Structures are given as structure tokens and as C-alpha cells.
Amino acid sequence: MKKLISVRKAIQLNPAQLVAILAPQKVKMLIWGRGAGKSTILAWFMMMMVRYMPRATFILVGNTYAQILSNTLKTTKAGLAIFGFYEGVDYVVGTRAGKKMGFRLPHESPDKYENIIHWSNGTVFQLVSLDNANSGRGINSSGFLSDETALQDEDKLAISVKNTNRSIPKEVIWKNNPYLFSETYVTSMPITKKGNWVLKYEDLHKEQPKNFFFQKATAKSNLENLRPDYFEYMKQSYSSEVIYNAEMLNIQPKEITGGFYPQLNPDVHYYTDHDNDYLERLDLRDLDDRHFNCKQDRDFNPAQPLLISVDYNAGINSLSVSQLQGDTYKVLNCFFVKSPDILDHLFTEKFIPYYAPYPTKIVKYYGDRSGNSKVANSKLTFSQQAAALLRAAGWKVHIMPVGNNPSHIDKFRLINVMLREDGHGPLPRIRINEGNCKDLIVSLEHAEAKDGPQGIQKDKRVETRKTVEQEHATHFSDTFDYPIFSMFWEKYILGANSGDDMPNSNIGN
């Protein structure tokens, strides 16, 4: 392995990283699989932008501010430490303390430093989230880094970030600078429809090779830093070949045109609505999981109960949170735990801590008939055990009645009519919180359909694999189905009997 010398210490970069940093193009789209070293390469480019352009202003962009704080900032700090740069010494985050420490100031000093990474040579990176239309307003930047680009909206990225990449420094040393107006995108292969726009950069690279660099890499370029059986181990950990191929091998998932939710449309049904005022008040020097709770959400009605829906399995227990708000049914959140964690952990470590600040401690509890089965070594059923945990935490629980599990064709007809939004009776529209429900969205978009004895069926064969990770299988989609069918099936039937058109039940509709 070739060694490169950073400004602080000798390090080793893998072949994919070496190719990326040596590429002369100022616009780079790096689509790398898990384990390929994305955090390290993001830190490398930040380090070099700082080194080459003292006192410049750059942007570090994420899809949501919650994502930036909970993931991007944490992994970037870890990557910088690999190169010998440490918070509180070489840079500070979210504070004006840099000035007192003798740091130089940028050419354009920000009005506030709560969302700023301030380096000792005066270079700053402003944290910009695309779920806040004003996040990038007023910035004159000289380049930007984008983390998890496939999660980002292309138009919002252009308006809030690319539009600011215009500041022309006056210093001679910056002329012909390789990082002036640079755009570096780092992401995994998109596994949802919304992220497919990043793949067009491959065509841009072919059409304009001097301007655009496109690279796909897997962890095979980083084997010296991984366990010897990494790929085989991970292959046994994924719920399907589709997800494994996308996240590990960078193979684009095929579009499922005959899926169980063919009317699901990312441009219509997904939204983000975080309380960025709350997030921006957090002290970036003292962040941990306790700060990321329902206070960061702005899409619930605090005076109404929460609807929770649980799917029970030996390998994974999944839970979605929703709420009916007038004519809109909102899916607010989702959680899961995997073996060896059990149902108890889903509530004591996920739902209850996250919704501890929620003012109306009332839940309506939905599930399928398996919730009536008893927990091992207990006289309680799964739903009774969950209700006991919630009540012990101060929640009032209404376990909603469970009859026979509905047929797949009935669920298919009801849900797709609701998704189609063509005015079918009194049915509400469905909206899904994209920032909180990433795993649920993957589950919905990759839920396939097949013909069964009674018509269309959701293809649940993926659940039979004895794997570790099942959060992208059909379990989450089932938690989506349970309350919707329970709440709206009778309204749908009444509407159908009144003469409204029934939906076409062809799989490819």
C-alpha cells in the first residue's frame, strides 16, 4: 500500500481513496459501498480545503440538520483524528472560542458560530441542511462537501448550496487553486427512488471528463482495514440480494414496477419536518443520543395520541409511529431492534426514550394476530408485555382489537387507493416523514408482489432467511399496513358500496 504524508503524520490510504484525491476534476461524485472509507475521504477533502484556502468559507451539507448532528459531524471528527487533527486544538465546533484561542478569522465572519466548524487558520465550514430553506441563505462560499448525497433533494441542493458556491478570493495564492469552487459528493448507492439522480454524474463524467469525476468503489479496495471474511459475513447479514448488492457491491437496484405499493410516489408522499430551531440551540461540543428525541420533530399534534404498530419476529422487532391529523395520515417515525435484543428493548431503549418529552402520554396499539401469542417464559402476550412496559413508563395504552388478519389483496386495494389520492370517499391522504422513516421507505419501495391463490400477495419470502439484518425486508411495511387497514377499511367499503370506482387490482397498476 502506497503511503502518503499528511501535514501531521504518516497515513495509509486505500486505492479508491488515492484515485479520488488525485483526480484533478473539481466536481467529484464518489459512490462508495459500506466499509470503503467514506468518512476518511470526507475528512481528507476537508483537511485539504483548509490547508489550501486559509480564511475561506465552505459548506458541509446534509439532507437534514438532524442527520448532520447525529452522523456526519461525528464521523467527520473521527476521520479528522486519523489525520492528526483534533477538536479543541486544530478546530472548534459551534462556538466563538476559536477567537480567544488565537484562531484567525475568515474573510467573511459569520453572524453566529453555533453551526460553524472554525479552523485555526481562519477557514470555516458552515453546516447546511436541506430541510431548512434558509440554512444556506446569505452565504458566499468557495466550495462544499456533501455527505450521504443520495438522501438529498437535487433541486434543494442547487438552491441552498450550489447557488452559494461563488465567492472569488482576492489572494494570489488562491489562483488556480484545486479546491476553489470544488464540489465533492460522498454517498452510498441509492436504494430509494429519490436518490437515483446521483447516477447521472456517470454520464456527465463521460461527456465532460475534464470537469466531472465519477467513481464507484466497494470495500474490496479497503480490505487491509477490514476483517478477512467481511463480504461473506455481510452477505449473511442482509435481508435480500438487492440491498446487499446496492450497499456492499454498488450495484444499482432494479426498479420494482410490480411492487406491492405501486402508487407510492416519493415526490408526493414523503416530507421532512424537523424543528431546526431546537437542533440549532444544541451545544455541538456536548452532543449525545439523549438530545435526539421527539423535540427535534415538528410534525406531530402534541394533544393527540400516538398510533403505534408493531411487527413481532424472532430476528427483528419493528415499530412504526403514526397519527391521523384531519385529512392527513402521517407516518411520523419508525424503530427496530434485532436479535439478541428483544421486544422489551424496542420500547425501553427506542420508543420510550425518544418520546419521553411527548406531552400526551397516550398510545393506540396496533399489530397482527401474532401479538396475541405469549412471550417466552411469560404469562403475557407480546402486546400485553409491550403495554406493561409502556404503562410502567407513564403511558396510557389502548390495545386496538385484532380480528382475522386481512387478505393481501384487500390491503393492496385499500392502500393503493389512498396513495393514488383520486378522491375516493372520506379516505385521508398518506404522508411519510422521510428523515425519520428511511428504513420503512426502503421496505415499502422494495416490497414485491406476486400472484397467489386469492390474487395479489405481498412477497414475504425474503423474511424466511435466517439473517441478522432484516430492517429492509417486508417487516416494516407490515407495520405500515396494520393501522391503515384497521382504521380505514370500513370507510373504503362504504365508499365502494356507494358507487365510487374500485381500484384496478393488477400488480403493475
Protein backbone atom coordinates (compact mmCIF):
# COMPACT_ATOMS: atom_id res chain seq x y z
CA MET A 1 0.00 0.00 0.00
CA LYS A 2 1.36 3.36 -1.02
CA LYS A 3 1.91 5.79 1.84
CA LEU A 4 1.05 9.45 1.70
CA ILE A 5 2.26 12.04 4.15
CA SER A 6 -0.36 14.38 5.63
CA VAL A 7 0.53 17.64 7.28
CA ARG A 8 0.69 15.86 10.63
CA LYS A 9 1.65 12.19 10.34
CA ALA A 10 2.16 9.25 8.00
CA ILE A 11 -1.09 7.56 6.98
CA GLN A 12 -2.27 4.87 4.62
CA LEU A 13 -4.96 5.42 2.02
CA ASN A 14 -6.62 2.64 0.06
CA PRO A 15 -6.57 2.56 -3.78
CA ALA A 16 -10.05 4.08 -4.17
CA GLN A 17 -9.12 6.94 -1.86
CA LEU A 18 -5.86 7.53 -3.72
CA VAL A 19 -7.63 7.70 -7.09
CA ALA A 20 -10.22 10.13 -5.71
CA ILE A 21 -7.74 12.56 -4.18
CA LEU A 22 -5.50 12.53 -7.27
CA ALA A 23 -8.40 13.18 -9.65
CA PRO A 24 -7.97 16.78 -10.95
CA GLN A 25 -11.66 17.48 -11.57
CA LYS A 26 -13.26 19.94 -9.18
CA VAL A 27 -16.62 18.15 -9.21
CA LYS A 28 -16.38 14.65 -7.78
CA MET A 29 -19.20 12.14 -7.24
CA LEU A 30 -17.98 9.25 -5.08
CA ILE A 31 -20.45 6.39 -4.73
CA TRP A 32 -18.85 4.01 -2.28
CA GLY A 33 -20.20 0.94 -0.54
CA ARG A 34 -20.07 0.24 3.16
CA GLY A 35 -16.58 -0.19 4.51
CA ALA A 36 -14.93 1.62 1.58
CA GLY A 37 -13.76 4.55 3.71
CA LYS A 38 -16.27 7.35 3.08
CA SER A 39 -15.71 9.07 6.42
CA THR A 40 -11.95 9.11 5.90
CA ILE A 41 -12.15 10.58 2.40
CA LEU A 42 -14.61 13.27 3.53
CA ALA A 43 -12.17 14.26 6.29
CA TRP A 44 -9.29 14.25 3.78
CA PHE A 45 -11.01 16.74 1.48
CA MET A 46 -11.95 18.95 4.42
CA MET A 47 -8.35 18.91 5.61
CA MET A 48 -7.02 19.83 2.15
CA MET A 49 -9.57 22.60 1.65
CA VAL A 50 -8.45 24.07 4.95
CA ARG A 51 -4.79 23.73 4.05
CA TYR A 52 -5.07 25.27 0.57
CA MET A 53 -7.54 28.03 1.38
CA PRO A 54 -6.97 29.76 4.72
CA ARG A 55 -9.76 32.10 5.86
CA ALA A 56 -12.14 30.73 3.21
CA THR A 57 -15.79 29.83 3.78
CA PHE A 58 -17.01 26.38 2.77
CA ILE A 59 -20.17 24.36 3.32
CA LEU A 60 -20.70 20.89 4.77
CA VAL A 61 -24.18 19.87 3.61
CA GLY A 62 -26.51 17.09 4.73
CA ASN A 63 -30.11 16.20 4.00
CA THR A 64 -31.32 17.26 7.45
CA TYR A 65 -29.70 19.05 10.35
CA ALA A 66 -30.58 16.04 12.49
CA GLN A 67 -28.54 13.84 10.14
CA ILE A 68 -25.60 16.25 10.21
CA LEU A 69 -25.50 16.34 14.02
CA SER A 70 -26.18 12.67 14.70
CA ASN A 71 -24.00 11.18 11.95
CA THR A 72 -21.98 13.46 9.64
CA LEU A 73 -20.34 15.60 12.32
CA LYS A 74 -19.46 12.60 14.46
CA THR A 75 -17.86 10.57 11.64
CA THR A 76 -16.06 13.60 10.20
CA LYS A 77 -14.43 14.30 13.57
CA ALA A 78 -13.33 10.66 13.74
CA GLY A 79 -11.89 10.91 10.23
CA LEU A 80 -10.00 14.10 11.05
CA ALA A 81 -8.48 12.41 14.09
CA ILE A 82 -6.99 9.78 11.77
CA PHE A 83 -5.03 12.59 10.14
CA GLY A 84 -3.99 14.08 13.47
CA PHE A 85 -6.48 16.96 13.70
CA TYR A 86 -8.45 17.30 16.91
CA GLU A 87 -11.40 19.33 18.12
CA GLY A 88 -10.40 21.96 20.66
CA VAL A 89 -6.87 22.11 19.27
CA ASP A 90 -6.97 22.49 15.49
CA TYR A 91 -10.62 23.47 15.16
CA VAL A 92 -13.67 24.22 17.27
CA VAL A 93 -17.32 23.44 16.56
CA GLY A 94 -20.35 25.57 17.41
CA THR A 95 -18.56 28.19 19.46
CA ARG A 96 -16.73 31.54 19.25
CA ALA A 97 -13.97 30.13 21.45
CA GLY A 98 -11.60 29.99 18.47
CA LYS A 99 -11.04 33.73 18.61
CA LYS A 100 -9.97 33.54 22.26
CA MET A 101 -7.64 30.67 21.35
CA GLY A 102 -5.86 32.88 18.79
CA PHE A 103 -7.55 31.46 15.69
CA ARG A 104 -7.58 33.67 12.63
CA LEU A 105 -10.97 34.87 11.44
CA PRO A 106 -12.43 34.13 8.00
CA HIS A 107 -12.65 36.83 5.35
CA GLU A 108 -16.41 36.85 5.86
CA SER A 109 -17.13 36.22 9.52
CA PRO A 110 -20.49 34.52 10.15
CA ASP A 111 -23.10 36.26 12.30
CA LYS A 112 -23.26 33.26 14.61
CA TYR A 113 -20.98 30.30 15.23
CA GLU A 114 -23.50 27.74 16.51
CA ASN A 115 -23.35 25.83 13.21
CA ILE A 116 -19.74 26.57 12.26
CA ILE A 117 -16.56 24.49 12.19
CA HIS A 118 -13.83 27.10 12.77
CA TRP A 119 -10.24 26.13 11.96
CA SER A 120 -7.17 27.74 13.45
CA ASN A 121 -6.08 29.27 10.11
CA GLY A 122 -9.42 31.05 9.77
CA THR A 123 -11.12 28.61 7.38
CA VAL A 124 -14.73 27.85 8.31
CA PHE A 125 -17.25 25.23 7.28
CA GLN A 126 -20.90 26.13 7.75
CA LEU A 127 -23.26 23.22 8.42
CA VAL A 128 -26.16 23.48 5.97
CA SER A 129 -29.23 21.23 5.96
CA LEU A 130 -31.62 20.94 3.05
CA ASP A 131 -34.67 20.63 5.28
CA ASN A 132 -34.26 24.30 6.19
CA ALA A 133 -34.79 26.62 3.23
CA ASN A 134 -32.90 29.42 4.99
CA SER A 135 -29.95 27.29 6.07
CA GLY A 136 -27.70 28.39 3.22
CA ARG A 137 -29.16 31.85 2.71
CA GLY A 138 -26.67 34.72 2.73
CA ILE A 139 -23.59 32.50 2.44
CA ASN A 140 -20.82 33.26 -0.04
CA SER A 141 -18.88 30.03 -0.18
CA SER A 142 -15.88 28.85 -2.17
CA GLY A 143 -16.79 25.16 -2.31
CA PHE A 144 -18.68 22.46 -0.47
CA LEU A 145 -18.71 18.87 0.77
CA SER A 146 -21.89 16.78 0.58
CA ASP A 147 -22.38 13.76 2.84
CA GLU A 148 -24.88 10.98 2.02
CA THR A 149 -25.79 12.79 -1.18
CA ALA A 150 -28.31 10.16 -2.33
CA LEU A 151 -30.56 11.20 0.55
CA GLN A 152 -30.63 14.81 -0.69
CA ASP A 153 -33.06 16.54 -3.00
CA GLU A 154 -31.29 17.71 -6.15
CA ASP A 155 -33.29 20.93 -6.54
CA LYS A 156 -32.90 21.94 -2.90
CA LEU A 157 -29.17 21.26 -3.16
CA ALA A 158 -28.93 23.59 -6.17
CA ILE A 159 -30.88 26.39 -4.49
CA SER A 160 -29.41 26.25 -0.98
CA VAL A 161 -25.81 25.20 -1.68
CA LYS A 162 -24.65 25.25 -5.29
CA ASN A 163 -26.05 28.75 -5.70
CA THR A 164 -23.71 29.98 -2.93
CA ASN A 165 -20.56 28.48 -4.45
CA ARG A 166 -19.43 31.77 -5.95
CA SER A 167 -17.01 33.58 -3.63
CA ILE A 168 -13.87 34.63 -5.51
CA PRO A 169 -10.95 35.22 -3.13
CA LYS A 170 -8.55 38.05 -3.93
CA GLU A 171 -5.33 36.49 -2.65
CA VAL A 172 -2.88 35.49 -5.39
CA ILE A 173 -2.13 32.23 -3.58
CA TRP A 174 -5.67 31.06 -4.33
CA LYS A 175 -5.43 31.46 -8.10
CA ASN A 176 -5.64 28.11 -9.95
CA ASN A 177 -6.42 26.52 -6.61
CA PRO A 178 -7.63 22.89 -6.93
CA TYR A 179 -10.29 23.40 -4.24
CA LEU A 180 -11.71 26.75 -5.30
CA PHE A 181 -15.37 26.14 -6.28
CA SER A 182 -14.93 22.43 -5.69
CA GLU A 183 -17.93 20.13 -5.20
CA THR A 184 -17.30 16.79 -3.52
CA TYR A 185 -20.20 14.38 -3.11
CA VAL A 186 -19.80 11.27 -0.96
CA THR A 187 -22.60 8.72 -0.80
CA SER A 188 -23.70 5.11 -0.86
CA MET A 189 -25.52 3.65 -3.84
CA PRO A 190 -29.11 4.96 -3.72
CA ILE A 191 -31.59 2.30 -2.68
CA THR A 192 -34.67 4.51 -2.92
CA LYS A 193 -36.13 6.15 -5.99
CA LYS A 194 -35.46 9.68 -4.80
CA GLY A 195 -31.69 9.28 -4.78
CA ASN A 196 -31.23 8.00 -8.34
CA TRP A 197 -30.29 11.47 -9.62
CA VAL A 198 -26.71 11.00 -8.39
CA LEU A 199 -26.15 8.36 -11.07
CA LYS A 200 -26.38 10.95 -13.86
CA TYR A 201 -22.88 12.06 -12.88
CA GLU A 202 -21.54 8.97 -14.61
CA ASP A 203 -22.84 10.35 -17.91
CA LEU A 204 -21.51 13.82 -17.06
CA HIS A 205 -18.09 12.25 -16.45
CA LYS A 206 -18.18 10.60 -19.89
CA GLU A 207 -19.41 13.75 -21.64
CA GLN A 208 -17.17 16.26 -19.79
CA PRO A 209 -14.25 14.28 -18.34
CA LYS A 210 -12.24 17.45 -17.61
CA ASN A 211 -14.94 18.81 -15.34
CA PHE A 212 -16.59 15.81 -13.69
CA PHE A 213 -15.13 12.82 -11.87
CA PHE A 214 -17.31 9.79 -11.13
CA GLN A 215 -16.18 6.81 -9.10
CA LYS A 216 -17.82 3.71 -7.70
CA ALA A 217 -15.90 1.67 -5.13
CA THR A 218 -16.56 -1.13 -2.69
CA ALA A 219 -14.89 -2.28 0.49
CA LYS A 220 -12.72 -4.57 -1.65
CA SER A 221 -10.46 -1.55 -2.03
CA ASN A 222 -10.17 -1.36 1.76
CA LEU A 223 -9.60 -4.99 2.75
CA GLU A 224 -6.45 -4.25 4.73
CA ASN A 225 -8.60 -2.41 7.27
CA LEU A 226 -11.41 -4.97 7.48
CA ARG A 227 -11.94 -8.48 8.83
CA PRO A 228 -10.89 -11.18 6.33
CA ASP A 229 -14.41 -12.58 5.89
CA TYR A 230 -16.09 -9.16 5.69
CA PHE A 231 -18.04 -9.69 2.46
CA GLU A 232 -19.21 -13.18 3.33
CA TYR A 233 -20.16 -12.01 6.81
CA MET A 234 -22.15 -9.08 5.43
CA LYS A 235 -23.82 -11.20 2.76
CA GLN A 236 -25.32 -13.34 5.50
CA SER A 237 -26.45 -10.18 7.27
CA TYR A 238 -28.64 -8.67 4.55
CA SER A 239 -32.30 -9.36 4.04
CA SER A 240 -32.07 -9.58 0.26
CA GLU A 241 -29.62 -9.75 -2.59
CA VAL A 242 -30.95 -6.40 -3.84
CA ILE A 243 -29.95 -4.49 -0.71
CA TYR A 244 -26.65 -6.37 -0.34
CA ASN A 245 -25.73 -5.67 -3.97
CA ALA A 246 -26.56 -1.97 -3.59
CA GLU A 247 -24.92 -1.20 -0.25
CA MET A 248 -21.95 -3.55 -0.50
CA LEU A 249 -21.25 -4.03 -4.23
CA ASN A 250 -22.58 -0.69 -5.59
CA ILE A 251 -24.99 -2.41 -7.95
CA GLN A 252 -27.99 -0.21 -8.69
CA PRO A 253 -31.23 -1.85 -7.54
CA LYS A 254 -33.68 -2.58 -10.29
CA GLU A 255 -36.88 -0.58 -10.14
CA ILE A 256 -39.70 -2.74 -8.80
CA THR A 257 -42.51 -1.83 -11.21
CA GLY A 258 -44.78 -4.59 -9.98
CA GLY A 259 -44.38 -3.94 -6.29
CA PHE A 260 -47.00 -4.14 -3.57
CA TYR A 261 -47.20 -0.33 -3.32
CA PRO A 262 -47.12 0.75 -6.99
CA GLN A 263 -48.83 4.08 -6.25
CA LEU A 264 -46.13 5.18 -3.78
CA ASN A 265 -44.57 8.37 -5.13
CA PRO A 266 -41.56 9.98 -3.37
CA ASP A 267 -42.44 13.43 -4.74
CA VAL A 268 -45.95 13.23 -3.28
CA HIS A 269 -45.83 11.04 -0.20
CA TYR A 270 -42.52 11.92 1.50
CA TYR A 271 -41.77 15.00 3.58
CA THR A 272 -39.30 16.30 6.17
CA ASP A 273 -40.29 18.49 9.09
CA HIS A 274 -37.65 18.81 11.81
CA ASP A 275 -37.58 21.55 14.43
CA ASN A 276 -34.28 23.07 13.42
CA ASP A 277 -34.66 25.85 15.97
CA TYR A 278 -34.34 23.19 18.67
CA LEU A 279 -31.44 21.47 16.93
CA GLU A 280 -29.55 24.69 16.35
CA ARG A 281 -29.75 25.51 20.06
CA LEU A 282 -27.90 22.32 20.97
CA ASP A 283 -24.32 22.63 22.16
CA LEU A 284 -22.31 20.93 19.41
CA ARG A 285 -19.50 20.30 21.89
CA ASP A 286 -21.71 18.06 24.03
CA LEU A 287 -23.92 16.00 21.74
CA ASP A 288 -25.16 12.52 22.51
CA ASP A 289 -28.18 10.34 21.80
CA ARG A 290 -30.30 11.89 24.55
CA HIS A 291 -30.59 15.09 22.51
CA PHE A 292 -32.13 13.32 19.52
CA ASN A 293 -35.70 12.83 20.72
CA CYS A 294 -39.15 13.98 19.64
CA LYS A 295 -38.20 17.59 20.42
CA GLN A 296 -36.45 17.57 17.03
CA ASP A 297 -39.76 16.78 15.27
CA ARG A 298 -42.34 19.34 14.27
CA ASP A 299 -44.91 17.18 12.50
CA PHE A 300 -46.96 15.71 15.36
CA ASN A 301 -50.01 17.07 17.15
CA PRO A 302 -48.95 17.04 20.82
CA ALA A 303 -52.56 16.98 22.03
CA GLN A 304 -53.38 13.72 20.22
CA PRO A 305 -52.48 10.09 20.98
CA LEU A 306 -49.75 8.35 19.02
CA LEU A 307 -50.65 5.32 16.92
CA ILE A 308 -48.00 2.62 17.20
CA SER A 309 -47.86 -0.53 15.12
CA VAL A 310 -45.61 -3.47 15.92
CA ASP A 311 -44.43 -6.46 13.91
CA TYR A 312 -43.00 -9.32 16.01
CA ASN A 313 -40.30 -11.69 14.77
CA ALA A 314 -37.52 -13.76 16.28
CA GLY A 315 -34.79 -11.88 14.41
CA ILE A 316 -36.23 -8.38 14.40
CA ASN A 317 -39.00 -6.43 16.10
CA SER A 318 -40.24 -3.38 14.18
CA LEU A 319 -42.40 -0.44 15.21
CA SER A 320 -43.86 2.48 13.31
CA VAL A 321 -45.44 5.61 14.78
CA SER A 322 -48.25 7.48 13.06
CA GLN A 323 -51.02 9.98 13.69
CA LEU A 324 -54.23 10.96 11.93
CA GLN A 325 -54.31 14.73 11.56
CA GLY A 326 -57.51 15.90 9.90
CA ASP A 327 -57.46 14.66 6.31
CA THR A 328 -53.83 13.51 6.51
CA TYR A 329 -52.49 10.24 7.91
CA LYS A 330 -48.86 10.90 8.85
CA VAL A 331 -46.26 8.22 9.48
CA LEU A 332 -44.00 10.02 11.93
CA ASN A 333 -41.24 7.59 12.84
CA CYS A 334 -40.01 4.01 12.93
CA PHE A 335 -37.77 1.94 15.20
CA PHE A 336 -36.38 -1.58 15.24
CA VAL A 337 -34.21 -3.88 17.34
CA LYS A 338 -32.52 -7.05 16.16
CA SER A 339 -31.58 -10.24 17.94
CA PRO A 340 -30.22 -10.67 20.58
CA ASP A 341 -32.31 -7.63 21.61
CA ILE A 342 -35.94 -8.50 22.20
CA LEU A 343 -39.31 -6.76 22.22
CA ASP A 344 -38.59 -5.15 25.61
CA HIS A 345 -35.60 -3.29 24.15
CA LEU A 346 -37.75 -1.89 21.34
CA PHE A 347 -39.68 0.05 23.96
CA THR A 348 -37.19 0.65 26.77
CA GLU A 349 -34.29 1.69 24.51
CA LYS A 350 -36.06 3.12 21.45
CA PHE A 351 -39.66 4.32 21.67
CA ILE A 352 -39.91 5.33 25.33
CA PRO A 353 -36.67 7.41 25.45
CA TYR A 354 -37.42 9.10 22.13
CA TYR A 355 -40.95 10.11 23.12
CA ALA A 356 -40.21 10.85 26.77
CA PRO A 357 -40.87 14.60 26.19
CA TYR A 358 -44.15 13.91 24.37
CA PRO A 359 -46.87 15.70 26.38
CA THR A 360 -49.88 13.42 25.77
CA LYS A 361 -48.81 10.02 27.08
CA ILE A 362 -51.46 8.01 25.23
CA VAL A 363 -50.89 5.36 22.56
CA LYS A 364 -53.21 3.27 20.46
CA TYR A 365 -51.50 -0.06 19.90
CA TYR A 366 -51.90 -1.98 16.62
CA GLY A 367 -50.49 -5.28 15.41
CA ASP A 368 -51.41 -8.55 13.78
CA ARG A 369 -52.67 -11.73 15.44
CA SER A 370 -49.16 -12.82 16.41
CA GLY A 371 -49.37 -10.15 19.11
CA ASN A 372 -51.75 -12.48 20.93
CA SER A 373 -49.02 -15.11 21.28
CA LYS A 374 -47.32 -15.38 24.64
CA VAL A 375 -43.80 -14.13 25.26
CA ALA A 376 -41.35 -16.92 26.10
CA ASN A 377 -41.27 -17.71 29.84
CA SER A 378 -44.16 -15.33 30.50
CA LYS A 379 -47.90 -15.43 31.01
CA LEU A 380 -48.23 -12.25 28.94
CA THR A 381 -48.76 -12.00 25.22
CA PHE A 382 -46.45 -9.84 23.11
CA SER A 383 -48.93 -6.96 23.05
CA GLN A 384 -49.60 -7.27 26.79
CA GLN A 385 -45.88 -7.26 27.52
CA ALA A 386 -45.39 -4.13 25.41
CA ALA A 387 -48.36 -2.45 27.08
CA ALA A 388 -46.95 -3.23 30.53
CA LEU A 389 -43.63 -1.60 29.61
CA LEU A 390 -45.39 1.49 28.30
CA ARG A 391 -47.62 1.81 31.35
CA ALA A 392 -44.62 1.47 33.64
CA ALA A 393 -43.15 4.49 31.80
CA GLY A 394 -46.28 6.55 32.37
CA TRP A 395 -48.18 5.89 29.13
CA LYS A 396 -51.87 5.09 28.85
CA VAL A 397 -52.30 2.23 26.38
CA HIS A 398 -55.32 1.28 24.28
CA ILE A 399 -54.73 -2.11 22.65
CA MET A 400 -56.79 -1.97 19.47
CA PRO A 401 -58.89 -5.04 18.65
CA VAL A 402 -57.32 -7.60 16.34
CA GLY A 403 -59.52 -9.84 14.25
CA ASN A 404 -58.52 -12.15 11.45
CA ASN A 405 -55.52 -10.93 9.51
CA PRO A 406 -56.80 -9.21 6.35
CA SER A 407 -56.09 -10.68 2.96
CA HIS A 408 -53.20 -9.25 0.97
CA ILE A 409 -55.47 -8.28 -1.90
CA ASP A 410 -57.70 -6.21 0.41
CA LYS A 411 -54.69 -4.37 1.84
CA PHE A 412 -53.34 -3.83 -1.66
CA ARG A 413 -56.62 -2.32 -2.87
CA LEU A 414 -57.17 -0.05 0.13
CA ILE A 415 -53.64 1.32 0.50
CA ASN A 416 -53.08 1.98 -3.18
CA VAL A 417 -56.39 3.82 -3.47
CA MET A 418 -55.26 6.02 -0.59
CA LEU A 419 -51.86 6.56 -2.19
CA ARG A 420 -53.47 7.38 -5.52
CA GLU A 421 -55.39 10.30 -3.96
CA ASP A 422 -58.15 10.40 -6.54
CA GLY A 423 -60.88 11.49 -4.14
CA HIS A 424 -62.11 8.05 -3.13
CA GLY A 425 -64.67 8.79 -0.40
CA PRO A 426 -63.56 10.01 3.05
CA LEU A 427 -60.13 8.38 2.99
CA PRO A 428 -57.23 10.59 4.14
CA ARG A 429 -54.04 11.17 2.20
CA ILE A 430 -50.86 9.44 3.39
CA ARG A 431 -47.60 11.24 4.15
CA ILE A 432 -44.34 9.71 5.43
CA ASN A 433 -41.59 11.53 7.34
CA GLU A 434 -38.61 10.84 5.11
CA GLY A 435 -35.99 11.86 7.65
CA ASN A 436 -37.28 9.56 10.39
CA CYS A 437 -38.55 6.64 8.30
CA LYS A 438 -35.66 5.73 6.00
CA ASP A 439 -35.86 2.00 6.78
CA LEU A 440 -39.64 1.95 6.37
CA ILE A 441 -39.35 3.67 2.98
CA VAL A 442 -36.80 1.12 1.77
CA SER A 443 -39.12 -1.65 2.96
CA LEU A 444 -42.08 -0.15 1.09
CA GLU A 445 -40.22 0.56 -2.14
CA HIS A 446 -38.69 -2.92 -2.26
CA ALA A 447 -41.79 -4.89 -1.24
CA GLU A 448 -42.54 -7.05 -4.25
CA ALA A 449 -45.89 -8.53 -5.20
CA LYS A 450 -46.73 -11.96 -6.55
CA ASP A 451 -49.83 -13.80 -7.71
CA GLY A 452 -51.37 -16.03 -5.07
CA PRO A 453 -54.42 -18.30 -4.80
CA GLN A 454 -56.63 -15.34 -3.85
CA GLY A 455 -54.99 -12.75 -6.07
CA ILE A 456 -52.17 -10.34 -5.33
CA GLN A 457 -49.91 -11.13 -2.37
CA LYS A 458 -47.01 -9.32 -0.79
CA ASP A 459 -43.91 -11.42 -1.44
CA LYS A 460 -42.64 -12.20 2.05
CA ARG A 461 -40.20 -14.95 1.15
CA VAL A 462 -37.36 -12.57 1.98
CA GLU A 463 -38.31 -12.87 5.66
CA THR A 464 -37.52 -16.60 5.75
CA ARG A 465 -33.77 -16.10 5.55
CA LYS A 466 -32.02 -16.52 8.87
CA THR A 467 -30.19 -13.22 8.70
CA VAL A 468 -29.04 -10.63 11.20
CA GLU A 469 -30.36 -7.54 9.46
CA GLN A 470 -34.00 -7.53 8.39
CA GLU A 471 -34.86 -3.85 8.62
CA HIS A 472 -35.15 -3.59 4.84
CA ALA A 473 -37.33 -6.67 4.41
CA THR A 474 -41.14 -6.53 4.49
CA HIS A 475 -41.50 -6.35 8.30
CA PHE A 476 -41.64 -2.56 8.37
CA SER A 477 -44.14 -2.48 5.52
CA ASP A 478 -46.42 -4.67 7.65
CA THR A 479 -46.33 -2.11 10.47
CA PHE A 480 -47.42 0.42 7.85
CA ASP A 481 -50.37 -1.76 6.82
CA TYR A 482 -51.85 -2.71 10.21
CA PRO A 483 -53.32 0.60 11.44
CA ILE A 484 -54.28 1.81 7.98
CA PHE A 485 -56.37 -1.28 7.32
CA SER A 486 -57.88 -1.28 10.80
CA MET A 487 -58.87 2.39 10.64
CA PHE A 488 -59.98 2.82 7.04
CA TRP A 489 -61.16 -0.48 5.54
CA GLU A 490 -64.80 0.01 6.54
CA LYS A 491 -64.78 3.56 5.17
CA TYR A 492 -63.34 2.20 1.93
CA ILE A 493 -66.04 -0.47 1.67
CA LEU A 494 -68.78 2.05 2.39
CA GLY A 495 -67.38 4.30 -0.32
CA ALA A 496 -67.23 1.40 -2.75
CA ASN A 497 -70.81 0.41 -1.99
CA SER A 498 -71.92 3.99 -2.58
CA GLY A 499 -70.80 3.72 -6.18
CA ASP A 500 -67.22 5.01 -6.13
CA ASP A 501 -64.87 3.24 -8.51
CA MET A 502 -62.90 0.32 -7.14
CA PRO A 503 -59.17 0.34 -7.86
CA ASN A 504 -57.67 -1.75 -10.59
CA SER A 505 -56.05 -4.69 -8.80
CA ASN A 506 -53.44 -5.54 -11.43
CA ILE A 507 -49.98 -5.84 -9.86
CA GLY A 508 -48.43 -3.38 -12.26
CA ASN A 509 -51.12 -0.74 -11.80
